[in-house]
């Protein structure tokens, strides 16, 4: 089973500055890192690969500088990395980002599972993963804390809820 893991390069949140006029993040001069939640997604993808076989492919959308997070993903054990990059993508909202990632994933072909981190540290919307599933017309589960089992086309997961967690198939 091939596993796609979507990752994002984000500003290091320990050094954030906000433009007082535009109320937006100032990215110039701020170190970029891999989104922390995406590291968990990579670790889970690698764990599943070791258990079920296949390969893990990291996919990111961003400028050429985002290659650094893809190299980091490979150093963590990812088998392949793909960067979707075009100047036209600059300033994309979550709908456009999820659409672009979905189209890139479609071109990759054979995959059994797509894993996204909970949310991006710079936008905090948690909309890209669900958006990808909408564009690909595939089922999704959000706030998964653990994948218990994968059997053919059935996945059993533990999902975080306010009262603790629930197990769903």
N, C-alpha and C. Protein backbone atom coordinates (compact mmCIF):
# COMPACT_ATOMS: atom_id res chain seq x y z
N UNK A 1 0.84 -1.18 0.00
CA UNK A 1 0.00 0.00 0.00
C UNK A 1 0.89 1.24 0.00
N UNK A 2 0.66 2.11 -0.96
CA UNK A 2 1.39 3.37 -0.99
C UNK A 2 0.66 4.42 -0.16
N UNK A 3 1.43 5.17 0.60
CA UNK A 3 0.88 6.16 1.52
C UNK A 3 1.38 7.53 1.12
N UNK A 4 0.46 8.46 0.90
CA UNK A 4 0.80 9.85 0.61
C UNK A 4 0.75 10.62 1.93
N UNK A 5 1.78 11.39 2.21
CA UNK A 5 1.78 12.27 3.38
C UNK A 5 1.97 13.70 2.88
N UNK A 6 1.00 14.55 3.16
CA UNK A 6 1.09 15.96 2.75
C UNK A 6 1.82 16.73 3.84
N UNK A 7 2.82 17.50 3.43
CA UNK A 7 3.60 18.27 4.40
C UNK A 7 3.71 19.72 3.94
N UNK A 8 3.99 20.60 4.89
CA UNK A 8 4.07 22.03 4.58
C UNK A 8 5.26 22.66 5.28
N UNK A 9 5.88 23.59 4.59
CA UNK A 9 6.93 24.41 5.20
C UNK A 9 6.23 25.62 5.83
N UNK A 10 6.52 25.87 7.10
CA UNK A 10 5.89 26.98 7.83
C UNK A 10 6.96 27.81 8.53
N UNK A 11 6.63 29.04 8.90
CA UNK A 11 7.58 29.83 9.68
C UNK A 11 7.74 29.21 11.07
N UNK A 12 8.94 29.30 11.61
CA UNK A 12 9.19 28.82 12.96
C UNK A 12 8.37 29.67 13.93
N UNK A 13 7.42 29.04 14.60
CA UNK A 13 6.47 29.78 15.43
C UNK A 13 7.08 30.36 16.70
N UNK A 14 8.34 30.05 16.97
CA UNK A 14 8.98 30.66 18.14
C UNK A 14 9.49 32.06 17.82
N UNK A 15 9.42 32.46 16.54
CA UNK A 15 9.97 33.75 16.12
C UNK A 15 8.98 34.47 15.19
N UNK A 16 7.74 34.61 15.64
CA UNK A 16 6.71 35.21 14.79
C UNK A 16 6.58 36.71 15.05
N UNK A 17 6.42 37.45 13.95
CA UNK A 17 6.15 38.88 14.03
C UNK A 17 4.94 39.17 13.15
N UNK A 18 4.07 40.06 13.63
CA UNK A 18 2.86 40.42 12.91
C UNK A 18 2.98 41.86 12.41
N UNK A 19 2.62 42.08 11.15
CA UNK A 19 2.59 43.43 10.58
C UNK A 19 1.39 44.16 11.19
N UNK A 20 1.64 45.27 11.91
CA UNK A 20 0.54 45.95 12.59
C UNK A 20 -0.48 46.58 11.63
N UNK A 21 -0.06 46.89 10.41
CA UNK A 21 -0.98 47.51 9.44
C UNK A 21 -1.89 46.48 8.77
N UNK A 22 -1.30 45.35 8.36
CA UNK A 22 -2.07 44.35 7.62
C UNK A 22 -2.56 43.21 8.52
N UNK A 23 -2.03 43.15 9.73
CA UNK A 23 -2.36 42.09 10.68
C UNK A 23 -2.04 40.70 10.11
N UNK A 24 -0.99 40.63 9.29
CA UNK A 24 -0.56 39.36 8.71
C UNK A 24 0.85 39.02 9.18
N UNK A 25 1.19 37.76 9.01
CA UNK A 25 2.49 37.25 9.41
C UNK A 25 3.60 37.86 8.56
N UNK A 26 4.67 38.32 9.20
CA UNK A 26 5.85 38.79 8.47
C UNK A 26 6.77 37.59 8.31
N UNK A 27 6.96 37.14 7.08
CA UNK A 27 7.75 35.94 6.82
C UNK A 27 9.21 36.24 6.52
N UNK A 28 9.51 37.45 6.10
CA UNK A 28 10.89 37.80 5.76
C UNK A 28 11.77 37.69 7.00
N UNK A 29 12.90 37.00 6.84
CA UNK A 29 13.86 36.87 7.92
C UNK A 29 13.49 35.85 8.98
N UNK A 30 12.38 35.15 8.79
CA UNK A 30 11.94 34.14 9.76
C UNK A 30 12.33 32.76 9.23
N UNK A 31 12.96 31.97 10.07
CA UNK A 31 13.36 30.61 9.70
C UNK A 31 12.13 29.78 9.33
N UNK A 32 12.25 28.97 8.30
CA UNK A 32 11.18 28.06 7.90
C UNK A 32 11.50 26.65 8.36
N UNK A 33 10.47 25.94 8.81
CA UNK A 33 10.62 24.57 9.31
C UNK A 33 9.48 23.72 8.76
N UNK A 34 9.57 22.41 8.97
CA UNK A 34 8.46 21.54 8.63
C UNK A 34 7.36 21.74 9.68
N UNK A 35 6.14 21.82 9.22
CA UNK A 35 5.01 21.94 10.14
C UNK A 35 5.08 20.79 11.16
N UNK A 36 5.08 21.10 12.46
CA UNK A 36 5.24 20.05 13.47
C UNK A 36 4.20 18.93 13.37
N UNK A 37 2.94 19.26 13.07
CA UNK A 37 1.92 18.21 12.96
C UNK A 37 2.19 17.28 11.78
N UNK A 38 2.86 17.78 10.76
CA UNK A 38 3.18 16.95 9.59
C UNK A 38 4.27 15.93 9.92
N UNK A 39 5.12 16.25 10.88
CA UNK A 39 6.13 15.26 11.32
C UNK A 39 5.45 14.04 11.91
N UNK A 40 4.38 14.26 12.68
CA UNK A 40 3.62 13.13 13.22
C UNK A 40 3.01 12.30 12.10
N UNK A 41 2.51 12.98 11.07
CA UNK A 41 1.92 12.28 9.92
C UNK A 41 2.96 11.41 9.22
N UNK A 42 4.18 11.95 9.06
CA UNK A 42 5.26 11.18 8.45
C UNK A 42 5.59 9.96 9.30
N UNK A 43 5.72 10.16 10.60
CA UNK A 43 6.04 9.03 11.49
C UNK A 43 4.97 7.94 11.39
N UNK A 44 3.70 8.33 11.32
CA UNK A 44 2.62 7.35 11.20
C UNK A 44 2.69 6.65 9.85
N UNK A 45 2.97 7.39 8.80
CA UNK A 45 3.10 6.79 7.47
C UNK A 45 4.21 5.75 7.43
N UNK A 46 5.34 6.07 8.04
CA UNK A 46 6.47 5.14 8.07
C UNK A 46 6.13 3.90 8.90
N UNK A 47 5.44 4.10 10.03
CA UNK A 47 5.02 2.97 10.87
C UNK A 47 4.10 2.04 10.07
N UNK A 48 3.17 2.63 9.33
CA UNK A 48 2.25 1.82 8.53
C UNK A 48 2.97 1.10 7.39
N UNK A 49 3.94 1.76 6.78
CA UNK A 49 4.73 1.12 5.72
C UNK A 49 5.45 -0.10 6.27
N UNK A 50 6.03 0.05 7.46
CA UNK A 50 6.75 -1.07 8.07
C UNK A 50 5.81 -2.22 8.39
N UNK A 51 4.56 -1.90 8.72
CA UNK A 51 3.60 -2.93 9.08
C UNK A 51 2.93 -3.57 7.86
N UNK A 52 2.62 -2.76 6.84
CA UNK A 52 1.83 -3.25 5.71
C UNK A 52 2.56 -3.28 4.37
N UNK A 53 3.77 -2.72 4.33
CA UNK A 53 4.51 -2.67 3.07
C UNK A 53 4.16 -1.44 2.25
N UNK A 54 4.70 -1.37 1.05
CA UNK A 54 4.46 -0.23 0.18
C UNK A 54 5.52 0.83 0.36
N UNK A 55 5.18 2.06 0.00
CA UNK A 55 6.12 3.16 0.16
C UNK A 55 5.39 4.40 0.64
N UNK A 56 6.16 5.32 1.19
CA UNK A 56 5.63 6.60 1.67
C UNK A 56 6.12 7.69 0.73
N UNK A 57 5.19 8.50 0.26
CA UNK A 57 5.51 9.60 -0.64
C UNK A 57 5.07 10.90 0.02
N UNK A 58 6.02 11.80 0.25
CA UNK A 58 5.70 13.12 0.81
C UNK A 58 5.39 14.07 -0.34
N UNK A 59 4.32 14.85 -0.17
CA UNK A 59 3.91 15.82 -1.18
C UNK A 59 3.76 17.17 -0.50
N UNK A 60 4.35 18.19 -1.11
CA UNK A 60 4.24 19.54 -0.58
C UNK A 60 3.96 20.52 -1.71
N UNK A 61 3.24 21.57 -1.40
CA UNK A 61 3.00 22.65 -2.35
C UNK A 61 3.65 23.90 -1.80
N UNK A 62 4.49 24.54 -2.59
CA UNK A 62 5.14 25.75 -2.11
C UNK A 62 6.25 26.20 -3.03
N UNK A 63 7.01 27.20 -2.60
CA UNK A 63 8.13 27.68 -3.40
C UNK A 63 9.28 26.67 -3.38
N UNK A 64 10.28 26.90 -4.20
CA UNK A 64 11.41 25.96 -4.27
C UNK A 64 12.10 25.80 -2.92
N UNK A 65 12.01 26.79 -2.04
CA UNK A 65 12.61 26.67 -0.71
C UNK A 65 11.98 25.53 0.09
N UNK A 66 10.77 25.11 -0.27
CA UNK A 66 10.11 24.01 0.43
C UNK A 66 10.80 22.68 0.21
N UNK A 67 11.76 22.63 -0.72
CA UNK A 67 12.53 21.40 -0.92
C UNK A 67 13.21 20.97 0.38
N UNK A 68 13.53 21.93 1.24
CA UNK A 68 14.22 21.58 2.49
C UNK A 68 13.37 20.68 3.38
N UNK A 69 12.05 20.91 3.42
CA UNK A 69 11.21 20.03 4.25
C UNK A 69 11.05 18.67 3.60
N UNK A 70 11.09 18.62 2.27
CA UNK A 70 11.03 17.33 1.59
C UNK A 70 12.30 16.52 1.84
N UNK A 71 13.44 17.20 1.86
CA UNK A 71 14.70 16.52 2.18
C UNK A 71 14.67 16.01 3.62
N UNK A 72 14.10 16.81 4.51
CA UNK A 72 13.97 16.36 5.91
C UNK A 72 13.07 15.14 5.99
N UNK A 73 11.98 15.13 5.21
CA UNK A 73 11.08 13.98 5.19
C UNK A 73 11.80 12.72 4.72
N UNK A 74 12.63 12.86 3.70
CA UNK A 74 13.41 11.71 3.22
C UNK A 74 14.37 11.24 4.29
N UNK A 75 14.98 12.18 5.02
CA UNK A 75 15.90 11.78 6.10
C UNK A 75 15.17 11.06 7.23
N UNK A 76 13.86 11.28 7.35
CA UNK A 76 13.05 10.61 8.36
C UNK A 76 12.64 9.21 7.93
N UNK A 77 12.79 8.89 6.62
CA UNK A 77 12.43 7.56 6.14
C UNK A 77 11.42 7.52 5.01
N UNK A 78 10.99 8.68 4.53
CA UNK A 78 10.08 8.74 3.39
C UNK A 78 10.81 8.23 2.15
N UNK A 79 10.11 7.51 1.28
CA UNK A 79 10.73 6.92 0.09
C UNK A 79 10.87 7.89 -1.08
N UNK A 80 9.87 8.72 -1.28
CA UNK A 80 9.89 9.67 -2.40
C UNK A 80 9.31 10.99 -1.92
N UNK A 81 9.68 12.07 -2.62
CA UNK A 81 9.17 13.39 -2.28
C UNK A 81 8.82 14.15 -3.55
N UNK A 82 7.70 14.86 -3.51
CA UNK A 82 7.22 15.61 -4.66
C UNK A 82 6.89 17.04 -4.23
N UNK A 83 7.44 18.01 -4.96
CA UNK A 83 7.13 19.41 -4.71
C UNK A 83 6.29 19.95 -5.85
N UNK A 84 5.12 20.48 -5.52
CA UNK A 84 4.27 21.16 -6.48
C UNK A 84 4.56 22.64 -6.33
N UNK A 85 5.19 23.23 -7.34
CA UNK A 85 5.65 24.61 -7.21
C UNK A 85 5.38 25.41 -8.48
N UNK A 86 4.80 26.58 -8.29
CA UNK A 86 4.55 27.50 -9.39
C UNK A 86 4.28 28.87 -8.76
N UNK A 87 4.74 29.92 -9.40
CA UNK A 87 4.48 31.26 -8.86
C UNK A 87 2.99 31.53 -8.72
N UNK A 88 2.19 30.90 -9.56
CA UNK A 88 0.74 31.09 -9.51
C UNK A 88 0.15 30.59 -8.19
N UNK A 89 0.87 29.71 -7.48
CA UNK A 89 0.37 29.18 -6.21
C UNK A 89 0.55 30.15 -5.04
N UNK A 90 1.36 31.18 -5.21
CA UNK A 90 1.66 32.11 -4.11
C UNK A 90 0.37 32.72 -3.57
N UNK A 91 0.23 32.70 -2.25
CA UNK A 91 -0.93 33.30 -1.60
C UNK A 91 -2.20 32.48 -1.71
N UNK A 92 -2.09 31.21 -2.07
CA UNK A 92 -3.27 30.36 -2.23
C UNK A 92 -4.03 30.20 -0.92
N UNK A 93 -5.35 30.18 -1.03
CA UNK A 93 -6.17 29.91 0.14
C UNK A 93 -6.28 28.39 0.33
N UNK A 94 -7.01 27.96 1.35
CA UNK A 94 -7.07 26.52 1.65
C UNK A 94 -7.78 25.73 0.55
N UNK A 95 -8.79 26.32 -0.10
CA UNK A 95 -9.48 25.62 -1.18
C UNK A 95 -8.53 25.37 -2.34
N UNK A 96 -7.80 26.41 -2.74
CA UNK A 96 -6.86 26.28 -3.86
C UNK A 96 -5.74 25.31 -3.51
N UNK A 97 -5.25 25.39 -2.29
CA UNK A 97 -4.18 24.49 -1.85
C UNK A 97 -4.66 23.04 -1.88
N UNK A 98 -5.84 22.78 -1.33
CA UNK A 98 -6.34 21.40 -1.32
C UNK A 98 -6.62 20.90 -2.74
N UNK A 99 -7.10 21.77 -3.62
CA UNK A 99 -7.34 21.40 -5.01
C UNK A 99 -6.03 21.05 -5.71
N UNK A 100 -5.03 21.89 -5.53
CA UNK A 100 -3.72 21.66 -6.17
C UNK A 100 -3.10 20.37 -5.66
N UNK A 101 -3.13 20.15 -4.35
CA UNK A 101 -2.59 18.90 -3.80
C UNK A 101 -3.36 17.69 -4.32
N UNK A 102 -4.68 17.80 -4.39
CA UNK A 102 -5.50 16.69 -4.89
C UNK A 102 -5.13 16.34 -6.33
N UNK A 103 -4.96 17.36 -7.16
CA UNK A 103 -4.58 17.10 -8.56
C UNK A 103 -3.19 16.49 -8.65
N UNK A 104 -2.27 16.94 -7.81
CA UNK A 104 -0.93 16.34 -7.78
C UNK A 104 -0.98 14.89 -7.33
N UNK A 105 -1.79 14.61 -6.32
CA UNK A 105 -1.93 13.24 -5.82
C UNK A 105 -2.55 12.35 -6.90
N UNK A 106 -3.53 12.86 -7.63
CA UNK A 106 -4.13 12.08 -8.73
C UNK A 106 -3.08 11.68 -9.76
N UNK A 107 -2.18 12.60 -10.06
CA UNK A 107 -1.13 12.30 -11.06
C UNK A 107 -0.16 11.25 -10.55
N UNK A 108 0.02 11.16 -9.23
CA UNK A 108 0.92 10.14 -8.68
C UNK A 108 0.35 8.75 -8.86
N UNK A 109 -0.97 8.65 -8.94
CA UNK A 109 -1.59 7.36 -9.19
C UNK A 109 -1.87 6.55 -7.95
N UNK A 110 -1.35 5.34 -7.93
CA UNK A 110 -1.69 4.32 -6.94
C UNK A 110 -1.35 4.73 -5.51
N UNK A 111 -2.37 4.91 -4.67
CA UNK A 111 -2.18 5.15 -3.24
C UNK A 111 -3.33 4.49 -2.49
N UNK A 112 -3.06 4.08 -1.27
CA UNK A 112 -4.09 3.46 -0.45
C UNK A 112 -4.57 4.36 0.67
N UNK A 113 -3.75 5.36 1.00
CA UNK A 113 -4.06 6.21 2.15
C UNK A 113 -3.37 7.56 1.98
N UNK A 114 -4.07 8.62 2.37
CA UNK A 114 -3.48 9.96 2.41
C UNK A 114 -3.53 10.41 3.86
N UNK A 115 -2.38 10.84 4.37
CA UNK A 115 -2.31 11.33 5.75
C UNK A 115 -1.89 12.80 5.73
N UNK A 116 -2.61 13.61 6.49
CA UNK A 116 -2.26 15.02 6.66
C UNK A 116 -2.12 15.29 8.15
N UNK A 117 -1.26 16.23 8.50
CA UNK A 117 -1.18 16.65 9.88
C UNK A 117 -2.47 17.33 10.31
N UNK A 118 -2.66 17.47 11.61
CA UNK A 118 -3.90 18.04 12.15
C UNK A 118 -4.22 19.41 11.56
N UNK A 119 -3.22 20.27 11.48
CA UNK A 119 -3.38 21.63 10.95
C UNK A 119 -2.01 22.23 10.75
N UNK A 120 -1.96 23.32 10.00
CA UNK A 120 -0.68 24.01 9.78
C UNK A 120 -0.47 25.04 10.89
N UNK A 121 0.74 25.15 11.35
CA UNK A 121 1.06 26.08 12.44
C UNK A 121 0.90 27.53 12.03
N UNK A 122 0.96 27.82 10.73
CA UNK A 122 0.87 29.22 10.30
C UNK A 122 -0.54 29.67 9.97
N UNK A 123 -1.43 28.76 9.64
CA UNK A 123 -2.79 29.14 9.28
C UNK A 123 -3.83 28.66 10.27
N UNK A 124 -3.56 27.50 10.87
CA UNK A 124 -4.41 26.97 11.94
C UNK A 124 -5.84 26.66 11.50
N UNK A 125 -6.07 26.42 10.20
CA UNK A 125 -7.45 26.23 9.74
C UNK A 125 -7.92 24.77 9.75
N UNK A 126 -7.01 23.83 9.58
CA UNK A 126 -7.35 22.40 9.51
C UNK A 126 -8.32 22.10 8.36
N UNK A 127 -8.22 22.84 7.25
CA UNK A 127 -9.14 22.67 6.13
C UNK A 127 -8.53 21.95 4.93
N UNK A 128 -7.22 21.89 4.82
CA UNK A 128 -6.61 21.33 3.61
C UNK A 128 -6.84 19.82 3.51
N UNK A 129 -6.64 19.07 4.56
CA UNK A 129 -6.87 17.62 4.52
C UNK A 129 -8.30 17.28 4.11
N UNK A 130 -9.30 17.84 4.80
CA UNK A 130 -10.68 17.60 4.37
C UNK A 130 -10.95 18.07 2.94
N UNK A 131 -10.34 19.18 2.54
CA UNK A 131 -10.51 19.67 1.18
C UNK A 131 -9.98 18.70 0.14
N UNK A 132 -8.84 18.09 0.43
CA UNK A 132 -8.27 17.09 -0.48
C UNK A 132 -9.27 15.95 -0.67
N UNK A 133 -9.86 15.48 0.43
CA UNK A 133 -10.81 14.36 0.32
C UNK A 133 -12.04 14.75 -0.50
N UNK A 134 -12.48 15.99 -0.38
CA UNK A 134 -13.62 16.46 -1.19
C UNK A 134 -13.25 16.46 -2.67
N UNK A 135 -12.10 17.02 -3.00
CA UNK A 135 -11.68 17.10 -4.41
C UNK A 135 -11.43 15.72 -5.02
N UNK A 136 -11.00 14.77 -4.20
CA UNK A 136 -10.75 13.41 -4.71
C UNK A 136 -11.98 12.51 -4.56
N UNK A 137 -13.02 13.02 -3.89
CA UNK A 137 -14.24 12.25 -3.63
C UNK A 137 -13.94 10.93 -2.93
N UNK A 138 -13.16 11.04 -1.85
CA UNK A 138 -12.82 9.87 -1.03
C UNK A 138 -13.21 10.15 0.42
N UNK A 139 -13.43 9.09 1.22
CA UNK A 139 -13.78 9.29 2.63
C UNK A 139 -12.63 9.91 3.41
N UNK A 140 -12.99 10.55 4.52
CA UNK A 140 -11.98 11.15 5.39
C UNK A 140 -12.37 10.94 6.85
N UNK A 141 -11.36 10.96 7.69
CA UNK A 141 -11.56 10.98 9.13
C UNK A 141 -10.61 12.04 9.67
N UNK A 142 -11.15 12.96 10.47
CA UNK A 142 -10.32 14.01 11.04
C UNK A 142 -10.01 13.72 12.50
N UNK A 143 -8.99 14.38 13.01
CA UNK A 143 -8.56 14.27 14.41
C UNK A 143 -8.23 12.84 14.83
N UNK A 144 -7.63 12.09 13.92
CA UNK A 144 -7.22 10.72 14.23
C UNK A 144 -6.00 10.76 15.13
N UNK A 145 -6.06 10.02 16.22
CA UNK A 145 -4.88 9.96 17.09
C UNK A 145 -4.10 8.67 16.88
N UNK A 146 -4.77 7.65 16.31
CA UNK A 146 -4.07 6.38 16.09
C UNK A 146 -4.81 5.57 15.02
N UNK A 147 -4.03 4.98 14.12
CA UNK A 147 -4.59 4.05 13.15
C UNK A 147 -4.39 2.66 13.74
N UNK A 148 -5.49 1.99 14.05
CA UNK A 148 -5.42 0.68 14.69
C UNK A 148 -5.14 -0.45 13.70
N UNK A 149 -5.85 -0.42 12.57
CA UNK A 149 -5.74 -1.53 11.63
C UNK A 149 -6.18 -1.09 10.24
N UNK A 150 -5.55 -1.70 9.24
CA UNK A 150 -5.98 -1.53 7.86
C UNK A 150 -6.14 -2.93 7.28
N UNK A 151 -7.34 -3.21 6.78
CA UNK A 151 -7.63 -4.53 6.21
C UNK A 151 -8.37 -4.31 4.89
N UNK A 152 -7.69 -4.58 3.79
CA UNK A 152 -8.23 -4.30 2.45
C UNK A 152 -8.65 -2.85 2.36
N UNK A 153 -9.93 -2.58 2.22
CA UNK A 153 -10.38 -1.19 2.08
C UNK A 153 -11.01 -0.65 3.37
N UNK A 154 -10.80 -1.34 4.48
CA UNK A 154 -11.37 -0.91 5.76
C UNK A 154 -10.25 -0.47 6.69
N UNK A 155 -10.42 0.72 7.24
CA UNK A 155 -9.43 1.25 8.19
C UNK A 155 -10.14 1.47 9.52
N UNK A 156 -9.49 1.08 10.60
CA UNK A 156 -10.03 1.30 11.94
C UNK A 156 -9.12 2.28 12.65
N UNK A 157 -9.72 3.37 13.16
CA UNK A 157 -8.93 4.44 13.78
C UNK A 157 -9.54 4.85 15.11
N UNK A 158 -8.69 5.46 15.93
CA UNK A 158 -9.14 6.15 17.14
C UNK A 158 -9.15 7.64 16.81
N UNK A 159 -10.28 8.28 17.06
CA UNK A 159 -10.44 9.69 16.74
C UNK A 159 -10.71 10.47 18.01
N UNK A 160 -10.01 11.60 18.16
CA UNK A 160 -10.19 12.44 19.34
C UNK A 160 -11.54 13.14 19.30
N UNK A 161 -12.23 13.11 20.45
CA UNK A 161 -13.47 13.86 20.63
C UNK A 161 -13.38 14.55 22.00
N UNK A 162 -14.32 15.42 22.29
CA UNK A 162 -14.26 16.18 23.55
C UNK A 162 -14.20 15.29 24.78
N UNK A 163 -14.92 14.18 24.77
CA UNK A 163 -14.98 13.29 25.93
C UNK A 163 -13.83 12.30 26.00
N UNK A 164 -12.94 12.31 25.03
CA UNK A 164 -11.82 11.35 24.99
C UNK A 164 -11.55 10.95 23.56
N UNK A 165 -11.97 9.72 23.19
CA UNK A 165 -11.81 9.28 21.81
C UNK A 165 -12.88 8.26 21.47
N UNK A 166 -13.09 8.07 20.18
CA UNK A 166 -14.01 7.06 19.70
C UNK A 166 -13.30 6.21 18.66
N UNK A 167 -13.72 4.97 18.53
CA UNK A 167 -13.16 4.07 17.53
C UNK A 167 -14.16 4.02 16.38
N UNK A 168 -13.66 4.28 15.17
CA UNK A 168 -14.53 4.22 14.01
C UNK A 168 -13.87 3.41 12.90
N UNK A 169 -14.72 2.87 12.03
CA UNK A 169 -14.27 2.07 10.90
C UNK A 169 -14.63 2.76 9.61
